[in-house]
């Protein structure tokens, strides 16, 4: 079973896979993705409605201090660091990009708190640019299904997935891998009895 066949099978299981972070604008998606580091999308979605009501764009958030942002997001992990990041990235957006979220990898990754995964999410979801963000779910599923090796770095996993999967499928495949990892191929107690990939799974080599 090749990578495209794996993707097609997953999409039959999760035809409605999509970005689970609630947002209305590229800026809100960028902020939500930064906030999602080391926490769940569900937890982020609980704090962003009030945050975005108070600070709907980079202009408003750039005028806030991290201490003003902290009460809105204190229920999620690393909230102090994240408050600093989203204020400072808002300032950078205002000063360098006229408040508009850029679409290039280089520009996105130049913003505070924005790494390769976040840049890929924004490029794919906000701008429809074929990208393949690798989070913990995508990495785990890729290695268990033999699409990457256990020792591969996140960057190498991304490169292998982009080489093996049709470019036109990258955006949707990213969401599908996440859903598959979140609901079937979980880190602990994966639902192997219901998995269509048991025959190719290398779970014992990559936990």
N, C-alpha and C. Protein backbone atom coordinates (compact mmCIF):
# COMPACT_ATOMS: atom_id res chain seq x y z
N UNK A 1 0.85 -1.20 0.00
CA UNK A 1 0.00 0.00 0.00
C UNK A 1 0.89 1.24 0.00
N UNK A 2 0.75 2.08 -1.04
CA UNK A 2 1.58 3.27 -1.10
C UNK A 2 0.94 4.43 -0.33
N UNK A 3 1.66 5.53 -0.27
CA UNK A 3 1.21 6.66 0.56
C UNK A 3 -0.13 7.22 0.11
N UNK A 4 -0.34 7.32 -1.20
CA UNK A 4 -1.61 7.87 -1.69
C UNK A 4 -2.77 6.94 -1.39
N UNK A 5 -2.52 5.64 -1.41
CA UNK A 5 -3.56 4.67 -1.06
C UNK A 5 -3.88 4.76 0.43
N UNK A 6 -2.86 4.98 1.24
CA UNK A 6 -3.08 5.16 2.68
C UNK A 6 -3.94 6.39 2.92
N UNK A 7 -3.62 7.49 2.25
CA UNK A 7 -4.39 8.72 2.40
C UNK A 7 -5.84 8.50 2.00
N UNK A 8 -6.06 7.82 0.87
CA UNK A 8 -7.41 7.57 0.37
C UNK A 8 -8.22 6.74 1.37
N UNK A 9 -7.57 5.75 1.98
CA UNK A 9 -8.25 4.92 2.98
C UNK A 9 -8.60 5.73 4.21
N UNK A 10 -7.68 6.57 4.66
CA UNK A 10 -7.95 7.43 5.81
C UNK A 10 -9.10 8.39 5.53
N UNK A 11 -9.13 8.92 4.31
CA UNK A 11 -10.18 9.88 3.97
C UNK A 11 -11.56 9.24 3.95
N UNK A 12 -11.61 7.94 3.69
CA UNK A 12 -12.89 7.24 3.78
C UNK A 12 -13.35 7.17 5.24
N UNK A 13 -12.39 7.05 6.15
CA UNK A 13 -12.72 7.00 7.58
C UNK A 13 -13.10 8.37 8.12
N UNK A 14 -12.41 9.40 7.64
CA UNK A 14 -12.61 10.76 8.17
C UNK A 14 -12.81 11.75 7.02
N UNK A 15 -13.94 11.65 6.34
CA UNK A 15 -14.18 12.52 5.17
C UNK A 15 -14.35 13.99 5.53
N UNK A 16 -14.63 14.27 6.79
CA UNK A 16 -14.87 15.66 7.20
C UNK A 16 -13.69 16.25 7.97
N UNK A 17 -12.52 15.61 7.86
CA UNK A 17 -11.35 16.12 8.56
C UNK A 17 -11.04 17.55 8.11
N UNK A 18 -10.77 18.41 9.07
CA UNK A 18 -10.52 19.83 8.77
C UNK A 18 -9.74 20.45 9.91
N UNK A 19 -9.35 21.70 9.73
CA UNK A 19 -8.69 22.43 10.81
C UNK A 19 -9.68 22.59 11.96
N UNK A 20 -9.28 22.17 13.14
CA UNK A 20 -10.19 22.19 14.29
C UNK A 20 -10.08 23.48 15.10
N UNK A 21 -9.17 24.37 14.73
CA UNK A 21 -9.03 25.64 15.46
C UNK A 21 -10.04 26.65 14.92
N UNK A 22 -10.87 27.17 15.78
CA UNK A 22 -11.88 28.15 15.36
C UNK A 22 -11.22 29.49 15.07
N UNK A 23 -11.55 30.07 13.93
CA UNK A 23 -10.96 31.35 13.54
C UNK A 23 -11.79 31.95 12.42
N UNK A 24 -11.67 33.24 12.23
CA UNK A 24 -12.39 33.93 11.16
C UNK A 24 -11.44 34.63 10.19
N UNK A 25 -10.21 34.84 10.59
CA UNK A 25 -9.24 35.55 9.76
C UNK A 25 -7.89 34.86 9.82
N UNK A 26 -7.00 35.15 8.86
CA UNK A 26 -5.64 34.60 8.94
C UNK A 26 -4.93 34.96 10.24
N UNK A 27 -5.15 36.18 10.73
CA UNK A 27 -4.53 36.59 12.00
C UNK A 27 -5.01 35.71 13.14
N UNK A 28 -6.30 35.48 13.21
CA UNK A 28 -6.84 34.65 14.29
C UNK A 28 -6.34 33.21 14.18
N UNK A 29 -6.21 32.70 12.96
CA UNK A 29 -5.66 31.36 12.78
C UNK A 29 -4.21 31.32 13.25
N UNK A 30 -3.44 32.33 12.90
CA UNK A 30 -2.04 32.39 13.32
C UNK A 30 -1.92 32.38 14.84
N UNK A 31 -2.70 33.21 15.49
CA UNK A 31 -2.66 33.29 16.96
C UNK A 31 -3.11 31.96 17.57
N UNK A 32 -4.19 31.40 17.06
CA UNK A 32 -4.70 30.14 17.61
C UNK A 32 -3.69 29.02 17.45
N UNK A 33 -2.98 29.00 16.33
CA UNK A 33 -1.99 27.96 16.09
C UNK A 33 -0.81 28.11 17.04
N UNK A 34 -0.37 29.33 17.27
CA UNK A 34 0.69 29.57 18.25
C UNK A 34 0.23 29.11 19.64
N UNK A 35 -1.00 29.41 19.98
CA UNK A 35 -1.53 29.01 21.29
C UNK A 35 -1.66 27.50 21.43
N UNK A 36 -1.80 26.79 20.30
CA UNK A 36 -2.05 25.34 20.36
C UNK A 36 -0.81 24.51 20.67
N UNK A 37 0.35 25.12 20.70
CA UNK A 37 1.57 24.37 21.01
C UNK A 37 1.46 23.71 22.38
N UNK A 38 1.71 22.42 22.42
CA UNK A 38 1.70 21.63 23.66
C UNK A 38 0.38 21.72 24.42
N UNK A 39 -0.70 21.92 23.69
CA UNK A 39 -2.04 21.83 24.28
C UNK A 39 -3.00 21.40 23.19
N UNK A 40 -4.24 21.15 23.52
CA UNK A 40 -5.19 20.64 22.53
C UNK A 40 -5.92 21.78 21.82
N UNK A 41 -6.38 21.49 20.61
CA UNK A 41 -7.18 22.47 19.89
C UNK A 41 -8.45 22.80 20.66
N UNK A 42 -9.03 21.80 21.31
CA UNK A 42 -10.26 22.03 22.09
C UNK A 42 -10.01 23.03 23.21
N UNK A 43 -8.86 22.94 23.86
CA UNK A 43 -8.54 23.87 24.95
C UNK A 43 -8.37 25.28 24.39
N UNK A 44 -7.72 25.38 23.22
CA UNK A 44 -7.53 26.70 22.60
C UNK A 44 -8.88 27.31 22.22
N UNK A 45 -9.77 26.50 21.68
CA UNK A 45 -11.08 27.01 21.26
C UNK A 45 -11.92 27.53 22.42
N UNK A 46 -11.58 27.11 23.63
CA UNK A 46 -12.32 27.60 24.80
C UNK A 46 -11.89 29.01 25.21
N UNK A 47 -10.65 29.38 24.88
CA UNK A 47 -10.15 30.68 25.32
C UNK A 47 -10.16 31.74 24.23
N UNK A 48 -10.18 31.32 22.96
CA UNK A 48 -10.05 32.32 21.90
C UNK A 48 -11.29 33.18 21.65
N UNK A 49 -12.53 32.73 21.90
CA UNK A 49 -13.66 33.62 21.64
C UNK A 49 -13.55 34.96 22.39
N UNK A 50 -13.27 34.90 23.69
CA UNK A 50 -13.15 36.15 24.46
C UNK A 50 -11.90 36.92 24.04
N UNK A 51 -10.81 36.20 23.76
CA UNK A 51 -9.57 36.86 23.33
C UNK A 51 -9.78 37.61 22.03
N UNK A 52 -10.42 36.96 21.06
CA UNK A 52 -10.60 37.61 19.76
C UNK A 52 -11.68 38.68 19.78
N UNK A 53 -12.59 38.58 20.72
CA UNK A 53 -13.57 39.66 20.86
C UNK A 53 -12.88 40.93 21.36
N UNK A 54 -11.94 40.76 22.27
CA UNK A 54 -11.22 41.90 22.81
C UNK A 54 -10.12 42.40 21.88
N UNK A 55 -9.49 41.45 21.17
CA UNK A 55 -8.35 41.78 20.30
C UNK A 55 -8.54 41.08 18.95
N UNK A 56 -9.42 41.59 18.11
CA UNK A 56 -9.76 40.89 16.87
C UNK A 56 -8.70 40.92 15.79
N UNK A 57 -7.75 41.86 15.88
CA UNK A 57 -6.75 41.96 14.82
C UNK A 57 -5.40 42.32 15.43
N UNK A 58 -4.38 42.31 14.58
CA UNK A 58 -3.04 42.64 15.04
C UNK A 58 -2.97 44.06 15.60
N UNK A 59 -3.75 44.96 15.05
CA UNK A 59 -3.73 46.35 15.50
C UNK A 59 -4.07 46.46 16.98
N UNK A 60 -5.15 45.81 17.39
CA UNK A 60 -5.56 45.86 18.79
C UNK A 60 -4.59 45.10 19.69
N UNK A 61 -4.15 43.93 19.24
CA UNK A 61 -3.28 43.13 20.10
C UNK A 61 -1.90 43.75 20.24
N UNK A 62 -1.45 44.46 19.23
CA UNK A 62 -0.14 45.10 19.30
C UNK A 62 -0.11 46.20 20.35
N UNK A 63 -1.26 46.71 20.70
CA UNK A 63 -1.35 47.78 21.69
C UNK A 63 -1.51 47.26 23.12
N UNK A 64 -1.63 45.95 23.24
CA UNK A 64 -1.80 45.34 24.56
C UNK A 64 -0.45 44.94 25.14
N UNK A 65 -0.42 44.72 26.42
CA UNK A 65 0.78 44.17 27.07
C UNK A 65 0.54 42.68 27.32
N UNK A 66 1.60 41.89 27.41
CA UNK A 66 1.41 40.46 27.71
C UNK A 66 0.58 40.23 28.97
N UNK A 67 0.75 41.08 29.96
CA UNK A 67 0.00 40.90 31.21
C UNK A 67 -1.49 41.12 31.01
N UNK A 68 -1.86 41.91 30.02
CA UNK A 68 -3.28 42.11 29.70
C UNK A 68 -3.85 40.91 28.95
N UNK A 69 -3.01 40.21 28.21
CA UNK A 69 -3.44 39.04 27.45
C UNK A 69 -3.53 37.79 28.34
N UNK A 70 -2.66 37.70 29.32
CA UNK A 70 -2.56 36.48 30.12
C UNK A 70 -3.88 35.99 30.72
N UNK A 71 -4.73 36.88 31.29
CA UNK A 71 -5.97 36.37 31.87
C UNK A 71 -6.88 35.65 30.86
N UNK A 72 -6.78 36.01 29.61
CA UNK A 72 -7.62 35.38 28.58
C UNK A 72 -7.18 33.95 28.28
N UNK A 73 -5.89 33.67 28.45
CA UNK A 73 -5.35 32.38 27.99
C UNK A 73 -4.72 31.57 29.12
N UNK A 74 -4.94 31.96 30.37
CA UNK A 74 -4.24 31.32 31.47
C UNK A 74 -4.67 29.87 31.71
N UNK A 75 -5.75 29.44 31.03
CA UNK A 75 -6.18 28.04 31.19
C UNK A 75 -5.40 27.08 30.30
N UNK A 76 -4.54 27.61 29.42
CA UNK A 76 -3.76 26.72 28.56
C UNK A 76 -2.29 26.75 28.99
N UNK A 77 -1.55 25.72 28.59
CA UNK A 77 -0.16 25.60 28.99
C UNK A 77 0.73 26.70 28.42
N UNK A 78 1.77 27.03 29.19
CA UNK A 78 2.78 28.01 28.77
C UNK A 78 2.16 29.37 28.44
N UNK A 79 1.11 29.73 29.15
CA UNK A 79 0.34 30.91 28.75
C UNK A 79 1.14 32.20 28.84
N UNK A 80 2.09 32.29 29.76
CA UNK A 80 2.88 33.52 29.86
C UNK A 80 3.77 33.71 28.63
N UNK A 81 4.45 32.64 28.25
CA UNK A 81 5.29 32.71 27.05
C UNK A 81 4.44 32.98 25.80
N UNK A 82 3.29 32.35 25.74
CA UNK A 82 2.42 32.52 24.58
C UNK A 82 1.84 33.93 24.51
N UNK A 83 1.54 34.50 25.66
CA UNK A 83 1.05 35.88 25.68
C UNK A 83 2.10 36.82 25.10
N UNK A 84 3.35 36.62 25.51
CA UNK A 84 4.44 37.45 24.97
C UNK A 84 4.56 37.26 23.46
N UNK A 85 4.49 36.00 23.03
CA UNK A 85 4.66 35.72 21.60
C UNK A 85 3.58 36.38 20.75
N UNK A 86 2.32 36.26 21.17
CA UNK A 86 1.26 36.78 20.30
C UNK A 86 1.21 38.31 20.32
N UNK A 87 1.63 38.92 21.42
CA UNK A 87 1.73 40.39 21.44
C UNK A 87 2.87 40.84 20.53
N UNK A 88 4.02 40.20 20.66
CA UNK A 88 5.17 40.61 19.87
C UNK A 88 5.00 40.29 18.39
N UNK A 89 4.34 39.17 18.06
CA UNK A 89 4.11 38.91 16.64
C UNK A 89 3.11 39.92 16.06
N UNK A 90 2.19 40.37 16.89
CA UNK A 90 1.24 41.40 16.45
C UNK A 90 1.96 42.73 16.17
N UNK A 91 2.90 43.06 17.04
CA UNK A 91 3.70 44.28 16.84
C UNK A 91 4.50 44.17 15.54
N UNK A 92 5.09 42.99 15.31
CA UNK A 92 5.86 42.77 14.08
C UNK A 92 4.96 42.85 12.85
N UNK A 93 3.77 42.29 12.95
CA UNK A 93 2.83 42.37 11.82
C UNK A 93 2.49 43.82 11.50
N UNK A 94 2.24 44.59 12.52
CA UNK A 94 1.91 46.00 12.32
C UNK A 94 3.09 46.78 11.74
N UNK A 95 4.27 46.56 12.29
CA UNK A 95 5.43 47.34 11.89
C UNK A 95 6.00 46.95 10.53
N UNK A 96 5.93 45.66 10.23
CA UNK A 96 6.61 45.18 9.01
C UNK A 96 5.66 44.80 7.88
N UNK A 97 4.41 44.46 8.22
CA UNK A 97 3.51 43.94 7.20
C UNK A 97 2.16 44.68 7.16
N UNK A 98 2.12 45.87 7.74
CA UNK A 98 0.88 46.66 7.75
C UNK A 98 -0.29 45.90 8.36
N UNK A 99 0.00 45.05 9.33
CA UNK A 99 -1.04 44.31 10.02
C UNK A 99 -1.57 43.10 9.28
N UNK A 100 -1.00 42.80 8.11
CA UNK A 100 -1.47 41.69 7.29
C UNK A 100 -0.57 40.47 7.48
N UNK A 101 -1.17 39.31 7.70
CA UNK A 101 -0.39 38.09 7.86
C UNK A 101 0.25 37.72 6.53
N UNK A 102 1.57 37.54 6.48
CA UNK A 102 2.23 37.17 5.23
C UNK A 102 2.00 35.70 4.90
N UNK A 103 2.30 35.32 3.68
CA UNK A 103 2.05 33.93 3.27
C UNK A 103 3.33 33.14 3.00
N UNK A 104 4.48 33.80 3.02
CA UNK A 104 5.72 33.07 2.73
C UNK A 104 6.28 32.44 4.00
N UNK A 105 6.94 31.30 3.82
CA UNK A 105 7.59 30.63 4.95
C UNK A 105 8.55 31.56 5.66
N UNK A 106 9.39 32.23 4.89
CA UNK A 106 10.42 33.08 5.47
C UNK A 106 9.81 34.17 6.34
N UNK A 107 8.79 34.84 5.83
CA UNK A 107 8.17 35.93 6.59
C UNK A 107 7.43 35.41 7.82
N UNK A 108 6.70 34.31 7.66
CA UNK A 108 5.96 33.76 8.79
C UNK A 108 6.90 33.32 9.90
N UNK A 109 7.98 32.63 9.54
CA UNK A 109 8.89 32.11 10.55
C UNK A 109 9.76 33.20 11.16
N UNK A 110 9.71 34.40 10.60
CA UNK A 110 10.44 35.52 11.20
C UNK A 110 9.66 36.14 12.35
N UNK A 111 8.40 35.72 12.52
CA UNK A 111 7.55 36.27 13.57
C UNK A 111 7.78 35.53 14.89
N UNK A 112 7.73 36.22 16.02
CA UNK A 112 7.93 35.58 17.32
C UNK A 112 6.95 34.44 17.56
N UNK A 113 7.48 33.31 18.01
CA UNK A 113 6.62 32.18 18.35
C UNK A 113 6.15 31.35 17.18
N UNK A 114 6.58 31.69 15.97
CA UNK A 114 6.10 30.98 14.77
C UNK A 114 7.22 30.09 14.22
N UNK A 115 6.99 28.79 14.26
CA UNK A 115 7.93 27.83 13.71
C UNK A 115 7.42 27.25 12.41
N UNK A 116 8.09 26.24 11.93
CA UNK A 116 7.75 25.67 10.63
C UNK A 116 6.34 25.08 10.60
N UNK A 117 5.97 24.37 11.68
CA UNK A 117 4.64 23.76 11.70
C UNK A 117 3.56 24.83 11.63
N UNK A 118 3.68 25.86 12.45
CA UNK A 118 2.69 26.94 12.45
C UNK A 118 2.62 27.61 11.08
N UNK A 119 3.79 27.87 10.49
CA UNK A 119 3.82 28.50 9.16
C UNK A 119 3.10 27.63 8.13
N UNK A 120 3.33 26.33 8.20
CA UNK A 120 2.66 25.42 7.26
C UNK A 120 1.15 25.41 7.44
N UNK A 121 0.70 25.43 8.69
CA UNK A 121 -0.74 25.46 8.96
C UNK A 121 -1.37 26.72 8.37
N UNK A 122 -0.74 27.86 8.61
CA UNK A 122 -1.28 29.12 8.12
C UNK A 122 -1.27 29.16 6.59
N UNK A 123 -0.20 28.73 5.99
CA UNK A 123 -0.11 28.72 4.53
C UNK A 123 -1.20 27.84 3.92
N UNK A 124 -1.43 26.68 4.53
CA UNK A 124 -2.41 25.74 3.99
C UNK A 124 -3.84 26.21 4.23
N UNK A 125 -4.15 26.52 5.48
CA UNK A 125 -5.54 26.78 5.86
C UNK A 125 -5.99 28.19 5.47
N UNK A 126 -5.13 29.18 5.71
CA UNK A 126 -5.51 30.56 5.44
C UNK A 126 -5.37 30.94 3.97
N UNK A 127 -4.35 30.36 3.31
CA UNK A 127 -4.04 30.79 1.95
C UNK A 127 -4.19 29.71 0.89
N UNK A 128 -4.47 28.48 1.30
CA UNK A 128 -4.66 27.40 0.33
C UNK A 128 -3.40 27.03 -0.41
N UNK A 129 -2.23 27.31 0.17
CA UNK A 129 -0.96 26.96 -0.45
C UNK A 129 -0.60 25.54 -0.03
N UNK A 130 -0.38 24.62 -0.99
CA UNK A 130 -0.06 23.24 -0.62
C UNK A 130 1.10 23.18 0.37
N UNK A 131 0.83 22.65 1.55
CA UNK A 131 1.81 22.55 2.63
C UNK A 131 1.45 21.31 3.44
N UNK A 132 2.42 20.80 4.19
CA UNK A 132 2.15 19.60 5.00
C UNK A 132 2.76 19.81 6.38
N UNK A 133 1.96 20.34 7.28
CA UNK A 133 2.42 20.57 8.65
C UNK A 133 2.53 19.25 9.39
N UNK A 134 3.63 19.08 10.11
CA UNK A 134 3.84 17.84 10.86
C UNK A 134 3.77 18.14 12.35
N UNK A 135 2.67 17.72 12.97
CA UNK A 135 2.54 17.82 14.42
C UNK A 135 2.79 16.45 15.03
N UNK A 136 2.50 16.30 16.31
CA UNK A 136 2.77 15.01 16.96
C UNK A 136 1.94 13.87 16.37
N UNK A 137 0.70 14.17 15.97
CA UNK A 137 -0.15 13.13 15.37
C UNK A 137 0.41 12.69 14.02
N UNK A 138 0.73 13.67 13.18
CA UNK A 138 1.25 13.34 11.84
C UNK A 138 2.56 12.58 11.94
N UNK A 139 3.42 13.01 12.85
CA UNK A 139 4.71 12.32 13.02
C UNK A 139 4.50 10.87 13.47
N UNK A 140 3.64 10.68 14.46
CA UNK A 140 3.40 9.33 14.99
C UNK A 140 2.81 8.41 13.92
N UNK A 141 1.79 8.88 13.23
CA UNK A 141 1.14 8.06 12.21
C UNK A 141 2.10 7.74 11.08
N UNK A 142 2.87 8.72 10.65
CA UNK A 142 3.81 8.51 9.55
C UNK A 142 4.84 7.44 9.88
N UNK A 143 5.34 7.47 11.11
CA UNK A 143 6.36 6.51 11.50
C UNK A 143 5.76 5.13 11.76
N UNK A 144 4.58 5.09 12.32
CA UNK A 144 3.95 3.78 12.54
C UNK A 144 3.58 3.09 11.23
N UNK A 145 3.23 3.87 10.23
CA UNK A 145 2.82 3.29 8.95
C UNK A 145 3.97 3.14 7.97
N UNK A 146 5.18 3.41 8.43
CA UNK A 146 6.35 3.18 7.59
C UNK A 146 6.58 4.23 6.52
N UNK A 147 5.91 5.36 6.63
CA UNK A 147 6.12 6.44 5.67
C UNK A 147 7.35 7.26 6.04
N UNK A 148 7.84 7.07 7.24
CA UNK A 148 9.08 7.70 7.70
C UNK A 148 9.73 6.74 8.69
N UNK A 149 11.01 6.94 8.94
CA UNK A 149 11.74 6.08 9.86
C UNK A 149 11.65 6.61 11.29
N UNK A 150 11.75 5.72 12.28
CA UNK A 150 11.63 6.15 13.68
C UNK A 150 12.59 7.27 14.06
N UNK A 151 13.78 7.28 13.46
CA UNK A 151 14.78 8.29 13.83
C UNK A 151 14.65 9.59 13.05
N UNK A 152 13.73 9.67 12.11
CA UNK A 152 13.60 10.86 11.28
C UNK A 152 13.17 12.08 12.09
N UNK A 153 13.77 13.22 11.78
CA UNK A 153 13.36 14.48 12.38
C UNK A 153 12.02 14.91 11.78
N UNK A 154 11.38 15.88 12.42
CA UNK A 154 10.11 16.40 11.92
C UNK A 154 10.28 16.95 10.50
N UNK A 155 11.38 17.63 10.25
CA UNK A 155 11.63 18.19 8.92
C UNK A 155 11.76 17.07 7.89
N UNK A 156 12.42 16.00 8.28
CA UNK A 156 12.59 14.88 7.36
C UNK A 156 11.27 14.16 7.11
N UNK A 157 10.44 14.04 8.15
CA UNK A 157 9.11 13.45 7.98
C UNK A 157 8.31 14.27 6.97
N UNK A 158 8.34 15.58 7.12
CA UNK A 158 7.62 16.45 6.20
C UNK A 158 8.10 16.25 4.77
N UNK A 159 9.42 16.20 4.59
CA UNK A 159 9.98 16.05 3.24
C UNK A 159 9.55 14.72 2.62
N UNK A 160 9.54 13.66 3.42
CA UNK A 160 9.16 12.34 2.89
C UNK A 160 7.68 12.30 2.52
N UNK A 161 6.83 12.89 3.37
CA UNK A 161 5.40 12.90 3.07
C UNK A 161 5.12 13.69 1.80
N UNK A 162 5.80 14.82 1.63
CA UNK A 162 5.60 15.65 0.44
C UNK A 162 6.11 14.96 -0.82
N UNK A 163 7.10 14.12 -0.66
CA UNK A 163 7.63 13.38 -1.81
C UNK A 163 6.72 12.21 -2.19
N UNK A 164 6.10 11.58 -1.18
CA UNK A 164 5.33 10.36 -1.42
C UNK A 164 3.86 10.61 -1.72
N UNK A 165 3.34 11.76 -1.29
CA UNK A 165 1.91 12.06 -1.45
C UNK A 165 1.73 13.13 -2.51
N UNK A 166 0.72 12.96 -3.36
CA UNK A 166 0.45 13.93 -4.42
C UNK A 166 0.30 15.33 -3.84
N UNK A 167 0.93 16.30 -4.49
CA UNK A 167 0.92 17.68 -3.99
C UNK A 167 -0.51 18.21 -3.83
N UNK A 168 -1.39 17.82 -4.73
CA UNK A 168 -2.77 18.30 -4.68
C UNK A 168 -3.51 17.80 -3.44
N UNK A 169 -2.95 16.80 -2.77
CA UNK A 169 -3.60 16.20 -1.60
C UNK A 169 -2.99 16.65 -0.27
N UNK A 170 -1.93 17.43 -0.33
CA UNK A 170 -1.19 17.73 0.90
C UNK A 170 -2.07 18.35 1.99
N UNK A 171 -2.84 19.36 1.63
CA UNK A 171 -3.61 20.10 2.65
C UNK A 171 -4.62 19.19 3.33
N UNK A 172 -5.42 18.48 2.52
CA UNK A 172 -6.43 17.62 3.11
C UNK A 172 -5.80 16.42 3.83
N UNK A 173 -4.72 15.90 3.27
CA UNK A 173 -4.06 14.76 3.89
C UNK A 173 -3.53 15.13 5.28
N UNK A 174 -3.03 16.33 5.42
CA UNK A 174 -2.57 16.80 6.73
C UNK A 174 -3.69 16.72 7.76
N UNK A 175 -4.86 17.23 7.41
CA UNK A 175 -6.00 17.18 8.34
C UNK A 175 -6.42 15.73 8.61
N UNK A 176 -6.39 14.91 7.57
CA UNK A 176 -6.81 13.52 7.72
C UNK A 176 -5.86 12.75 8.62
N UNK A 177 -4.56 12.97 8.46
CA UNK A 177 -3.58 12.33 9.34
C UNK A 177 -3.82 12.72 10.79
N UNK A 178 -4.13 13.98 11.02
CA UNK A 178 -4.38 14.45 12.39
C UNK A 178 -5.60 13.75 12.98
N UNK A 179 -6.68 13.68 12.21
CA UNK A 179 -7.88 13.00 12.71
C UNK A 179 -7.60 11.53 12.97
N UNK A 180 -6.87 10.89 12.07
CA UNK A 180 -6.55 9.48 12.25
C UNK A 180 -5.70 9.28 13.51
N UNK A 181 -4.75 10.17 13.72
CA UNK A 181 -3.91 10.07 14.92
C UNK A 181 -4.65 10.42 16.19
N UNK A 182 -5.60 11.32 16.07
CA UNK A 182 -6.35 11.79 17.25
C UNK A 182 -7.38 10.76 17.70
N UNK A 183 -8.01 10.08 16.74
CA UNK A 183 -9.15 9.22 17.08
C UNK A 183 -8.91 7.72 16.88
N UNK A 184 -7.91 7.33 16.10
CA UNK A 184 -7.66 5.91 15.85
C UNK A 184 -6.26 5.53 16.32
N UNK A 185 -5.26 6.13 15.74
CA UNK A 185 -3.87 5.76 16.02
C UNK A 185 -3.32 6.63 17.14
N UNK A 186 -3.94 6.54 18.30
CA UNK A 186 -3.58 7.38 19.44
C UNK A 186 -2.22 6.97 20.01
N UNK A 187 -1.61 7.89 20.74
CA UNK A 187 -0.30 7.61 21.32
C UNK A 187 -0.38 6.45 22.30
N UNK A 188 -1.41 6.47 23.13
CA UNK A 188 -1.62 5.39 24.08
C UNK A 188 -2.90 4.64 23.72
N UNK A 189 -2.85 3.35 23.84
CA UNK A 189 -4.00 2.49 23.56
C UNK A 189 -4.65 2.76 22.20
N UNK A 190 -3.85 2.69 21.12
CA UNK A 190 -4.43 2.88 19.79
C UNK A 190 -5.47 1.81 19.49
N UNK A 191 -6.45 2.14 18.67
CA UNK A 191 -7.56 1.24 18.36
C UNK A 191 -7.17 0.30 17.21
N UNK A 192 -6.21 -0.54 17.49
CA UNK A 192 -5.65 -1.42 16.45
C UNK A 192 -6.69 -2.39 15.89
N UNK A 193 -7.65 -2.79 16.71
CA UNK A 193 -8.66 -3.75 16.24
C UNK A 193 -9.51 -3.19 15.12
N UNK A 194 -9.63 -1.87 15.06
CA UNK A 194 -10.45 -1.24 14.03
C UNK A 194 -9.63 -0.60 12.91
N UNK A 195 -8.32 -0.75 12.97
CA UNK A 195 -7.44 -0.05 12.04
C UNK A 195 -7.27 -0.83 10.74
N UNK A 196 -7.39 -0.16 9.59
CA UNK A 196 -7.22 -0.83 8.31
C UNK A 196 -5.76 -1.04 7.92
N UNK A 197 -4.84 -0.57 8.76
CA UNK A 197 -3.43 -0.63 8.40
C UNK A 197 -2.62 -1.57 9.29
N UNK A 198 -3.28 -2.47 9.99
CA UNK A 198 -2.58 -3.36 10.92
C UNK A 198 -1.48 -4.14 10.23
N UNK A 199 -1.72 -4.56 9.00
CA UNK A 199 -0.76 -5.42 8.30
C UNK A 199 0.54 -4.70 7.96
N UNK A 200 0.52 -3.37 7.91
CA UNK A 200 1.74 -2.62 7.57
C UNK A 200 2.27 -1.82 8.76
N UNK A 201 1.59 -1.89 9.89
CA UNK A 201 1.94 -1.05 11.03
C UNK A 201 3.25 -1.47 11.66
N UNK A 202 4.04 -0.48 12.06
CA UNK A 202 5.32 -0.73 12.71
C UNK A 202 5.30 -0.14 14.14
N UNK A 203 4.13 -0.25 14.76
CA UNK A 203 3.96 0.36 16.09
C UNK A 203 5.00 -0.14 17.09
N UNK A 204 5.38 -1.41 17.00
CA UNK A 204 6.33 -1.95 17.96
C UNK A 204 7.70 -1.30 17.82
N UNK A 205 7.98 -0.78 16.62
CA UNK A 205 9.26 -0.08 16.40
C UNK A 205 9.15 1.39 16.76
N UNK A 206 7.95 1.95 16.62
CA UNK A 206 7.77 3.36 16.97
C UNK A 206 6.52 3.49 17.84
N UNK A 207 6.71 3.72 19.11
CA UNK A 207 5.58 3.79 20.06
C UNK A 207 4.85 5.11 19.90
